[in-house]
């Protein structure tokens, strides 16, 4: 009985740790992507965007909608440059 409580506690703790690390990565990749969108390097923005959207997907596979969102964000980079 006592050992099963320990195992359950360890498993729950492990799951919580994995979720925390995943959320931390999502925040990190999102910040990198947003920073890249502020710059001039579209290749860097594309790579950062793909990394960010991959971490949002269960299997890490980008969808066509992810690619379209990245394309739209990169098009907005041009609009911002024209305004400045």
PDB file of N, CA and C in Angstrom:
ATOM      1  N   UNK A   1       0.826  -1.197   0.000  1.00  0.00           N
ATOM      2  CA  UNK A   1       0.000   0.000   0.000  1.00  0.00           C
ATOM      3  C   UNK A   1       0.871   1.261   0.000  1.00  0.00           C
ATOM      4  N   UNK A   2       1.830   1.296   0.914  1.00  0.00           N
ATOM      5  CA  UNK A   2       2.688   2.475   1.033  1.00  0.00           C
ATOM      6  C   UNK A   2       3.524   2.679  -0.226  1.00  0.00           C
ATOM      7  N   UNK A   3       4.035   1.612  -0.818  1.00  0.00           N
ATOM      8  CA  UNK A   3       4.868   1.752  -2.022  1.00  0.00           C
ATOM      9  C   UNK A   3       4.045   2.206  -3.221  1.00  0.00           C
ATOM     10  N   UNK A   4       2.784   1.794  -3.298  1.00  0.00           N
ATOM     11  CA  UNK A   4       1.950   2.248  -4.413  1.00  0.00           C
ATOM     12  C   UNK A   4       1.649   3.745  -4.297  1.00  0.00           C
ATOM     13  N   UNK A   5       1.517   4.249  -3.085  1.00  0.00           N
ATOM     14  CA  UNK A   5       1.311   5.690  -2.894  1.00  0.00           C
ATOM     15  C   UNK A   5       2.549   6.459  -3.349  1.00  0.00           C
ATOM     16  N   UNK A   6       3.718   5.925  -3.046  1.00  0.00           N
ATOM     17  CA  UNK A   6       4.968   6.562  -3.476  1.00  0.00           C
ATOM     18  C   UNK A   6       5.049   6.584  -4.999  1.00  0.00           C
ATOM     19  N   UNK A   7       4.723   5.453  -5.658  1.00  0.00           N
ATOM     20  CA  UNK A   7       4.776   5.393  -7.120  1.00  0.00           C
ATOM     21  C   UNK A   7       3.787   6.366  -7.757  1.00  0.00           C
ATOM     22  N   UNK A   8       2.595   6.410  -7.209  1.00  0.00           N
ATOM     23  CA  UNK A   8       1.586   7.334  -7.744  1.00  0.00           C
ATOM     24  C   UNK A   8       2.062   8.776  -7.591  1.00  0.00           C
ATOM     25  N   UNK A   9       2.642   9.092  -6.448  1.00  0.00           N
ATOM     26  CA  UNK A   9       3.169  10.441  -6.211  1.00  0.00           C
ATOM     27  C   UNK A   9       4.285  10.766  -7.192  1.00  0.00           C
ATOM     28  N   UNK A  10       5.169   9.806  -7.432  1.00  0.00           N
ATOM     29  CA  UNK A  10       6.267  10.023  -8.385  1.00  0.00           C
ATOM     30  C   UNK A  10       5.751  10.226  -9.803  1.00  0.00           C
ATOM     31  N   UNK A  11       4.777   9.439 -10.185  1.00  0.00           N
ATOM     32  CA  UNK A  11       4.214   9.570 -11.532  1.00  0.00           C
ATOM     33  C   UNK A  11       3.534  10.925 -11.704  1.00  0.00           C
ATOM     34  N   UNK A  12       2.744  11.309 -10.729  1.00  0.00           N
ATOM     35  CA  UNK A  12       2.069  12.612 -10.799  1.00  0.00           C
ATOM     36  C   UNK A  12       3.098  13.742 -10.828  1.00  0.00           C
ATOM     37  N   UNK A  13       4.132  13.628 -10.009  1.00  0.00           N
ATOM     38  CA  UNK A  13       5.195  14.639 -10.010  1.00  0.00           C
ATOM     39  C   UNK A  13       5.906  14.714 -11.350  1.00  0.00           C
ATOM     40  N   UNK A  14       6.136  13.558 -11.961  1.00  0.00           N
ATOM     41  CA  UNK A  14       6.774  13.531 -13.280  1.00  0.00           C
ATOM     42  C   UNK A  14       5.923  14.183 -14.345  1.00  0.00           C
ATOM     43  N   UNK A  15       4.634  13.895 -14.316  1.00  0.00           N
ATOM     44  CA  UNK A  15       3.714  14.496 -15.293  1.00  0.00           C
ATOM     45  C   UNK A  15       3.677  16.013 -15.122  1.00  0.00           C
ATOM     46  N   UNK A  16       3.614  16.457 -13.887  1.00  0.00           N
ATOM     47  CA  UNK A  16       3.603  17.900 -13.623  1.00  0.00           C
ATOM     48  C   UNK A  16       4.895  18.550 -14.115  1.00  0.00           C
ATOM     49  N   UNK A  17       6.028  17.880 -13.888  1.00  0.00           N
ATOM     50  CA  UNK A  17       7.316  18.416 -14.348  1.00  0.00           C
ATOM     51  C   UNK A  17       7.355  18.501 -15.870  1.00  0.00           C
ATOM     52  N   UNK A  18       6.855  17.481 -16.557  1.00  0.00           N
ATOM     53  CA  UNK A  18       6.838  17.501 -18.024  1.00  0.00           C
ATOM     54  C   UNK A  18       5.963  18.629 -18.560  1.00  0.00           C
ATOM     55  N   UNK A  19       4.812  18.813 -17.953  1.00  0.00           N
ATOM     56  CA  UNK A  19       3.914  19.888 -18.382  1.00  0.00           C
ATOM     57  C   UNK A  19       4.573  21.250 -18.149  1.00  0.00           C
ATOM     58  N   UNK A  20       5.219  21.403 -17.015  1.00  0.00           N
ATOM     59  CA  UNK A  20       5.906  22.668 -16.714  1.00  0.00           C
ATOM     60  C   UNK A  20       7.002  22.955 -17.741  1.00  0.00           C
ATOM     61  N   UNK A  21       7.807  21.941 -18.058  1.00  0.00           N
ATOM     62  CA  UNK A  21       8.888  22.138 -19.029  1.00  0.00           C
ATOM     63  C   UNK A  21       8.342  22.442 -20.414  1.00  0.00           C
ATOM     64  N   UNK A  22       7.247  21.784 -20.784  1.00  0.00           N
ATOM     65  CA  UNK A  22       6.644  22.051 -22.080  1.00  0.00           C
ATOM     66  C   UNK A  22       6.143  23.493 -22.156  1.00  0.00           C
ATOM     67  N   UNK A  23       5.484  23.962 -21.111  1.00  0.00           N
ATOM     68  CA  UNK A  23       4.991  25.334 -21.091  1.00  0.00           C
ATOM     69  C   UNK A  23       6.141  26.339 -21.104  1.00  0.00           C
ATOM     70  N   UNK A  24       7.208  26.000 -20.422  1.00  0.00           N
ATOM     71  CA  UNK A  24       8.381  26.876 -20.413  1.00  0.00           C
ATOM     72  C   UNK A  24       8.964  26.988 -21.826  1.00  0.00           C
ATOM     73  N   UNK A  25       9.050  25.859 -22.537  1.00  0.00           N
ATOM     74  CA  UNK A  25       9.545  25.878 -23.915  1.00  0.00           C
ATOM     75  C   UNK A  25       8.623  26.681 -24.819  1.00  0.00           C
ATOM     76  N   UNK A  26       7.324  26.527 -24.637  1.00  0.00           N
ATOM     77  CA  UNK A  26       6.373  27.279 -25.463  1.00  0.00           C
ATOM     78  C   UNK A  26       6.588  28.779 -25.276  1.00  0.00           C
ATOM     79  N   UNK A  27       6.717  29.215 -24.026  1.00  0.00           N
ATOM     80  CA  UNK A  27       6.940  30.652 -23.774  1.00  0.00           C
ATOM     81  C   UNK A  27       8.259  31.119 -24.385  1.00  0.00           C
ATOM     82  N   UNK A  28       9.293  30.293 -24.265  1.00  0.00           N
ATOM     83  CA  UNK A  28      10.612  30.643 -24.811  1.00  0.00           C
ATOM     84  C   UNK A  28      10.557  30.761 -26.334  1.00  0.00           C
ATOM     85  N   UNK A  29       9.967  29.769 -26.999  1.00  0.00           N
ATOM     86  CA  UNK A  29       9.902  29.782 -28.460  1.00  0.00           C
ATOM     87  C   UNK A  29       8.998  30.893 -28.971  1.00  0.00           C
ATOM     88  N   UNK A  30       7.939  31.199 -28.235  1.00  0.00           N
ATOM     89  CA  UNK A  30       7.055  32.296 -28.643  1.00  0.00           C
ATOM     90  C   UNK A  30       7.803  33.624 -28.570  1.00  0.00           C
ATOM     91  N   UNK A  31       8.574  33.821 -27.494  1.00  0.00           N
ATOM     92  CA  UNK A  31       9.352  35.057 -27.354  1.00  0.00           C
ATOM     93  C   UNK A  31      10.381  35.178 -28.472  1.00  0.00           C
ATOM     94  N   UNK A  32      11.040  34.075 -28.812  1.00  0.00           N
ATOM     95  CA  UNK A  32      12.016  34.087 -29.905  1.00  0.00           C
ATOM     96  C   UNK A  32      11.341  34.432 -31.227  1.00  0.00           C
ATOM     97  N   UNK A  33      10.160  33.865 -31.451  1.00  0.00           N
ATOM     98  CA  UNK A  33       9.427  34.116 -32.690  1.00  0.00           C
ATOM     99  C   UNK A  33       9.005  35.578 -32.780  1.00  0.00           C
ATOM    100  N   UNK A  34       8.453  36.104 -31.708  1.00  0.00           N
ATOM    101  CA  UNK A  34       8.022  37.506 -31.709  1.00  0.00           C
ATOM    102  C   UNK A  34       9.205  38.446 -31.902  1.00  0.00           C
ATOM    103  N   UNK A  35      10.338  38.101 -31.307  1.00  0.00           N
ATOM    104  CA  UNK A  35      11.538  38.918 -31.486  1.00  0.00           C
ATOM    105  C   UNK A  35      12.014  38.870 -32.936  1.00  0.00           C
ATOM    106  N   UNK A  36      11.976  37.682 -33.530  1.00  0.00           N
ATOM    107  CA  UNK A  36      12.410  37.528 -34.925  1.00  0.00           C
ATOM    108  C   UNK A  36      11.499  38.314 -35.864  1.00  0.00           C
ATOM    109  N   UNK A  37      10.217  38.370 -35.544  1.00  0.00           N
ATOM    110  CA  UNK A  37       9.278  39.121 -36.387  1.00  0.00           C
ATOM    111  C   UNK A  37       9.542  40.621 -36.334  1.00  0.00           C
ATOM    112  N   UNK A  38      10.189  41.090 -35.289  1.00  0.00           N
ATOM    113  CA  UNK A  38      10.513  42.507 -35.171  1.00  0.00           C
ATOM    114  C   UNK A  38      11.743  42.885 -35.989  1.00  0.00           C
ATOM    115  N   UNK A  39      12.514  41.886 -36.392  1.00  0.00           N
ATOM    116  CA  UNK A  39      13.748  42.151 -37.118  1.00  0.00           C
ATOM    117  C   UNK A  39      13.542  42.193 -38.621  1.00  0.00           C
ATOM    118  N   UNK A  40      14.653  42.064 -39.338  1.00  0.00           N
ATOM    119  CA  UNK A  40      14.631  42.124 -40.800  1.00  0.00           C
ATOM    120  C   UNK A  40      14.886  40.774 -41.455  1.00  0.00           C
ATOM    121  N   UNK A  41      15.323  39.799 -40.682  1.00  0.00           N
ATOM    122  CA  UNK A  41      15.736  38.499 -41.216  1.00  0.00           C
ATOM    123  C   UNK A  41      14.536  37.550 -41.289  1.00  0.00           C
ATOM    124  N   UNK A  42      14.008  37.383 -42.502  1.00  0.00           N
ATOM    125  CA  UNK A  42      12.840  36.523 -42.681  1.00  0.00           C
ATOM    126  C   UNK A  42      13.187  35.049 -42.461  1.00  0.00           C
ATOM    127  N   UNK A  43      14.395  34.661 -42.805  1.00  0.00           N
ATOM    128  CA  UNK A  43      14.792  33.261 -42.588  1.00  0.00           C
ATOM    129  C   UNK A  43      14.769  32.931 -41.096  1.00  0.00           C
ATOM    130  N   UNK A  44      15.275  33.842 -40.295  1.00  0.00           N
ATOM    131  CA  UNK A  44      15.263  33.644 -38.840  1.00  0.00           C
ATOM    132  C   UNK A  44      13.818  33.593 -38.330  1.00  0.00           C
ATOM    133  N   UNK A  45      12.971  34.456 -38.848  1.00  0.00           N
ATOM    134  CA  UNK A  45      11.565  34.464 -38.442  1.00  0.00           C
ATOM    135  C   UNK A  45      10.872  33.163 -38.834  1.00  0.00           C
ATOM    136  N   UNK A  46      11.175  32.668 -40.022  1.00  0.00           N
ATOM    137  CA  UNK A  46      10.579  31.416 -40.489  1.00  0.00           C
ATOM    138  C   UNK A  46      11.001  30.252 -39.592  1.00  0.00           C
ATOM    139  N   UNK A  47      12.284  30.156 -39.291  1.00  0.00           N
ATOM    140  CA  UNK A  47      12.777  29.078 -38.443  1.00  0.00           C
ATOM    141  C   UNK A  47      12.191  29.170 -37.036  1.00  0.00           C
ATOM    142  N   UNK A  48      12.145  30.372 -36.489  1.00  0.00           N
ATOM    143  CA  UNK A  48      11.595  30.559 -35.143  1.00  0.00           C
ATOM    144  C   UNK A  48      10.100  30.243 -35.123  1.00  0.00           C
ATOM    145  N   UNK A  49       9.404  30.641 -36.164  1.00  0.00           N
ATOM    146  CA  UNK A  49       7.970  30.355 -36.247  1.00  0.00           C
ATOM    147  C   UNK A  49       7.695  28.870 -36.336  1.00  0.00           C
ATOM    148  N   UNK A  50       8.465  28.181 -37.129  1.00  0.00           N
ATOM    149  CA  UNK A  50       8.282  26.728 -37.242  1.00  0.00           C
ATOM    150  C   UNK A  50       8.599  26.023 -35.928  1.00  0.00           C
ATOM    151  N   UNK A  51       9.635  26.482 -35.252  1.00  0.00           N
ATOM    152  CA  UNK A  51       9.985  25.895 -33.958  1.00  0.00           C
ATOM    153  C   UNK A  51       8.851  26.120 -32.955  1.00  0.00           C
ATOM    154  N   UNK A  52       8.324  27.326 -32.949  1.00  0.00           N
ATOM    155  CA  UNK A  52       7.235  27.658 -32.018  1.00  0.00           C
ATOM    156  C   UNK A  52       5.996  26.808 -32.304  1.00  0.00           C
ATOM    157  N   UNK A  53       5.565  26.758 -33.563  1.00  0.00           N
ATOM    158  CA  UNK A  53       4.352  26.013 -33.885  1.00  0.00           C
ATOM    159  C   UNK A  53       4.544  24.509 -33.707  1.00  0.00           C
ATOM    160  N   UNK A  54       5.754  24.003 -33.928  1.00  0.00           N
ATOM    161  CA  UNK A  54       6.008  22.574 -33.688  1.00  0.00           C
ATOM    162  C   UNK A  54       5.796  22.215 -32.226  1.00  0.00           C
ATOM    163  N   UNK A  55       6.227  23.076 -31.332  1.00  0.00           N
ATOM    164  CA  UNK A  55       6.085  22.770 -29.910  1.00  0.00           C
ATOM    165  C   UNK A  55       4.622  22.837 -29.468  1.00  0.00           C
ATOM    166  N   UNK A  56       3.766  23.433 -30.265  1.00  0.00           N
ATOM    167  CA  UNK A  56       2.343  23.470 -29.942  1.00  0.00           C
ATOM    168  C   UNK A  56       1.615  22.201 -30.368  1.00  0.00           C
ATOM    169  N   UNK A  57       2.211  21.436 -31.256  1.00  0.00           N
ATOM    170  CA  UNK A  57       1.567  20.235 -31.800  1.00  0.00           C
ATOM    171  C   UNK A  57       2.001  18.991 -31.037  1.00  0.00           C
ATOM    172  N   UNK A  58       1.066  18.074 -30.852  1.00  0.00           N
ATOM    173  CA  UNK A  58       1.331  16.856 -30.073  1.00  0.00           C
ATOM    174  C   UNK A  58       2.470  16.035 -30.666  1.00  0.00           C
ATOM    175  N   UNK A  59       2.488  15.875 -31.970  1.00  0.00           N
ATOM    176  CA  UNK A  59       3.536  15.083 -32.607  1.00  0.00           C
ATOM    177  C   UNK A  59       4.644  15.944 -33.205  1.00  0.00           C
ATOM    178  N   UNK A  60       4.555  17.248 -33.031  1.00  0.00           N
ATOM    179  CA  UNK A  60       5.581  18.143 -33.542  1.00  0.00           C
ATOM    180  C   UNK A  60       5.540  18.339 -35.046  1.00  0.00           C
ATOM    181  N   UNK A  61       4.408  18.031 -35.660  1.00  0.00           N
ATOM    182  CA  UNK A  61       4.266  18.158 -37.112  1.00  0.00           C
ATOM    183  C   UNK A  61       3.450  19.408 -37.412  1.00  0.00           C
ATOM    184  N   UNK A  62       4.003  20.266 -38.245  1.00  0.00           N
ATOM    185  CA  UNK A  62       3.313  21.498 -38.627  1.00  0.00           C
ATOM    186  C   UNK A  62       2.116  21.183 -39.517  1.00  0.00           C
ATOM    187  N   UNK A  63       1.082  21.990 -39.363  1.00  0.00           N
ATOM    188  CA  UNK A  63      -0.075  21.867 -40.242  1.00  0.00           C
ATOM    189  C   UNK A  63       0.014  22.958 -41.312  1.00  0.00           C
ATOM    190  N   UNK A  64      -0.821  22.842 -42.303  1.00  0.00           N
ATOM    191  CA  UNK A  64      -0.877  23.859 -43.347  1.00  0.00           C
ATOM    192  C   UNK A  64      -1.316  25.194 -42.749  1.00  0.00           C
ATOM    193  N   UNK A  65      -2.125  25.128 -41.693  1.00  0.00           N
ATOM    194  CA  UNK A  65      -2.592  26.344 -41.033  1.00  0.00           C
ATOM    195  C   UNK A  65      -1.452  27.037 -40.280  1.00  0.00           C
ATOM    196  N   UNK A  66      -0.550  26.232 -39.725  1.00  0.00           N
ATOM    197  CA  UNK A  66       0.623  26.806 -39.063  1.00  0.00           C
ATOM    198  C   UNK A  66       1.489  27.540 -40.076  1.00  0.00           C
ATOM    199  N   UNK A  67       1.737  26.891 -41.214  1.00  0.00           N
ATOM    200  CA  UNK A  67       2.552  27.510 -42.267  1.00  0.00           C
ATOM    201  C   UNK A  67       1.901  28.796 -42.760  1.00  0.00           C
ATOM    202  N   UNK A  68       0.578  28.789 -42.881  1.00  0.00           N
ATOM    203  CA  UNK A  68      -0.129  29.985 -43.342  1.00  0.00           C
ATOM    204  C   UNK A  68      -0.021  31.101 -42.312  1.00  0.00           C
ATOM    205  N   UNK A  69      -0.118  30.754 -41.035  1.00  0.00           N
ATOM    206  CA  UNK A  69       0.008  31.766 -39.977  1.00  0.00           C
ATOM    207  C   UNK A  69       1.400  32.387 -40.003  1.00  0.00           C
ATOM    208  N   UNK A  70       2.418  31.572 -40.204  1.00  0.00           N
ATOM    209  CA  UNK A  70       3.788  32.081 -40.276  1.00  0.00           C
ATOM    210  C   UNK A  70       3.942  32.995 -41.489  1.00  0.00           C
ATOM    211  N   UNK A  71       3.391  32.565 -42.616  1.00  0.00           N
ATOM    212  CA  UNK A  71       3.454  33.372 -43.839  1.00  0.00           C
ATOM    213  C   UNK A  71       2.773  34.722 -43.627  1.00  0.00           C
ATOM    214  N   UNK A  72       1.623  34.707 -42.982  1.00  0.00           N
ATOM    215  CA  UNK A  72       0.906  35.955 -42.701  1.00  0.00           C
ATOM    216  C   UNK A  72       1.724  36.864 -41.788  1.00  0.00           C
ATOM    217  N   UNK A  73       2.330  36.279 -40.769  1.00  0.00           N
ATOM    218  CA  UNK A  73       3.165  37.074 -39.856  1.00  0.00           C
ATOM    219  C   UNK A  73       4.352  37.687 -40.587  1.00  0.00           C
ATOM    220  N   UNK A  74       4.947  36.918 -41.487  1.00  0.00           N
ATOM    221  CA  UNK A  74       6.093  37.437 -42.231  1.00  0.00           C
ATOM    222  C   UNK A  74       5.667  38.525 -43.212  1.00  0.00           C
ATOM    223  N   UNK A  75       4.481  38.409 -43.768  1.00  0.00           N
ATOM    224  CA  UNK A  75       3.965  39.462 -44.653  1.00  0.00           C
ATOM    225  C   UNK A  75       3.748  40.744 -43.859  1.00  0.00           C
ATOM    226  N   UNK A  76       3.328  40.590 -42.612  1.00  0.00           N
ATOM    227  CA  UNK A  76       3.137  41.763 -41.759  1.00  0.00           C
ATOM    228  C   UNK A  76       4.476  42.426 -41.448  1.00  0.00           C
ATOM    229  N   UNK A  77       5.565  41.665 -41.473  1.00  0.00           N
ATOM    230  CA  UNK A  77       6.900  42.250 -41.259  1.00  0.00           C
ATOM    231  C   UNK A  77       7.156  43.321 -42.321  1.00  0.00           C
ATOM    232  N   UNK A  78       6.774  43.025 -43.554  1.00  0.00           N
ATOM    233  CA  UNK A  78       6.967  43.983 -44.658  1.00  0.00           C
ATOM    234  C   UNK A  78       6.140  45.248 -44.438  1.00  0.00           C
ATOM    235  N   UNK A  79       4.897  45.066 -43.967  1.00  0.00           N
ATOM    236  CA  UNK A  79       4.031  46.218 -43.735  1.00  0.00           C
ATOM    237  C   UNK A  79       4.594  47.132 -42.665  1.00  0.00           C
ATOM    238  N   UNK A  80       5.146  46.563 -41.628  1.00  0.00           N
ATOM    239  CA  UNK A  80       5.731  47.364 -40.551  1.00  0.00           C
ATOM    240  C   UNK A  80       6.945  48.144 -41.050  1.00  0.00           C
ATOM    241  N   UNK A  81       7.746  47.506 -41.899  1.00  0.00           N
ATOM    242  CA  UNK A  81       8.931  48.174 -42.446  1.00  0.00           C
ATOM    243  C   UNK A  81       8.534  49.354 -43.325  1.00  0.00           C
ATOM    244  N   UNK A  82       7.434  49.223 -44.067  1.00  0.00           N
ATOM    245  CA  UNK A  82       6.980  50.310 -44.925  1.00  0.00           C
ATOM    246  C   UNK A  82       6.530  51.513 -44.106  1.00  0.00           C
ATOM    247  N   UNK A  83       5.930  51.245 -42.962  1.00  0.00           N
ATOM    248  CA  UNK A  83       5.433  52.327 -42.101  1.00  0.00           C
ATOM    249  C   UNK A  83       6.596  53.096 -41.498  1.00  0.00           C
ATOM    250  N   UNK A  84       7.650  52.381 -41.108  1.00  0.00           N
ATOM    251  CA  UNK A  84       8.803  53.026 -40.468  1.00  0.00           C
ATOM    252  C   UNK A  84       9.532  53.790 -41.484  1.00  0.00           C
TER     253      UNK A  84
END
